[in-house]
Amino acid sequence: MDGYDVYLARGRDAENTICLAIVKDGEWESTGCGGNGVTVTTRSGAKVEAGGIRTGEDEENALSDSVRVVG
């Protein structure tokens, strides 16, 4: 995704917690965790969603079955 690395992980404490980390040029830029889904925003303003969460924005770009770039 435009020079970003996107990492998806399962949370440790809760079974349905999803964690999403965005890395650019080897540095952690944004990280978030949430139950059943999570949204994080890059410094450039792009939102990355993982899991069942949907922001309802029109533009979606699937990176995988469960990870999308919106906005």
Protein backbone atom coordinates (compact mmCIF):
# COMPACT_ATOMS: atom_id res chain seq x y z
CA MET A 1 0.00 0.00 0.00
CA ASP A 2 1.92 3.10 -1.24
CA GLY A 3 5.17 2.08 0.44
CA TYR A 4 3.52 0.97 3.69
CA ASP A 5 3.75 -2.49 5.24
CA VAL A 6 0.48 -3.64 6.82
CA TYR A 7 0.53 -6.23 9.61
CA LEU A 8 -2.51 -7.99 11.02
CA ALA A 9 -2.40 -9.90 14.30
CA ARG A 10 -4.77 -11.59 16.68
CA GLY A 11 -5.01 -10.06 20.14
CA ARG A 12 -3.64 -11.92 23.12
CA ASP A 13 -6.29 -11.37 25.76
CA ALA A 14 -9.59 -11.63 23.89
CA GLU A 15 -10.45 -14.23 21.28
CA ASN A 16 -11.92 -11.79 18.73
CA THR A 17 -9.47 -8.91 19.18
CA ILE A 18 -7.79 -7.84 15.93
CA CYS A 19 -4.64 -5.71 15.87
CA LEU A 20 -3.47 -3.75 12.85
CA ALA A 21 -0.02 -2.14 12.51
CA ILE A 22 1.14 0.18 9.73
CA VAL A 23 4.89 0.52 9.09
CA LYS A 24 6.64 2.86 6.65
CA ASP A 25 10.39 3.00 6.02
CA GLY A 26 10.98 0.58 8.91
CA GLU A 27 9.18 2.75 11.51
CA TRP A 28 5.86 2.02 13.24
CA GLU A 29 3.46 4.68 12.05
CA SER A 30 0.10 3.61 13.41
CA THR A 31 -1.21 0.71 15.49
CA GLY A 32 -4.62 -0.15 16.84
CA CYS A 33 -6.61 -3.07 18.26
CA GLY A 34 -10.32 -3.69 18.57
CA GLY A 35 -12.91 -6.38 19.09
CA ASN A 36 -14.11 -7.88 15.80
CA GLY A 37 -12.40 -5.09 13.82
CA VAL A 38 -10.18 -2.03 13.91
CA THR A 39 -9.48 1.12 11.87
CA VAL A 40 -6.14 2.97 11.88
CA THR A 41 -5.18 6.12 9.98
CA THR A 42 -1.82 6.71 8.31
CA ARG A 43 -0.01 10.06 8.50
CA SER A 44 -1.09 10.69 4.90
CA GLY A 45 -4.73 10.34 5.98
CA ALA A 46 -5.58 6.94 4.47
CA LYS A 47 -7.70 4.73 6.70
CA VAL A 48 -6.99 1.01 6.89
CA GLU A 49 -9.74 -1.27 8.22
CA ALA A 50 -9.44 -4.88 9.31
CA GLY A 51 -12.08 -7.39 10.33
CA GLY A 52 -15.82 -6.79 10.41
CA ILE A 53 -15.69 -3.01 10.92
CA ARG A 54 -16.87 -0.77 8.06
CA THR A 55 -16.75 3.03 8.09
CA GLY A 56 -19.39 3.26 5.36
CA GLU A 57 -17.17 5.34 3.08
CA ASP A 58 -17.71 4.80 -0.65
CA GLU A 59 -14.15 4.11 -1.80
CA GLU A 60 -12.75 0.73 -0.76
CA ASN A 61 -9.56 -0.99 -1.87
CA ALA A 62 -9.19 -4.57 -0.62
CA LEU A 63 -5.68 -5.58 0.42
CA SER A 64 -7.01 -9.03 1.42
CA ASP A 65 -10.32 -10.67 2.33
CA SER A 66 -10.40 -8.84 5.65
CA VAL A 67 -8.20 -5.72 5.19
CA ARG A 68 -9.28 -2.63 3.21
CA VAL A 69 -7.99 0.88 2.52
CA VAL A 70 -10.77 3.49 2.59
CA GLY A 71 -10.94 7.22 2.04
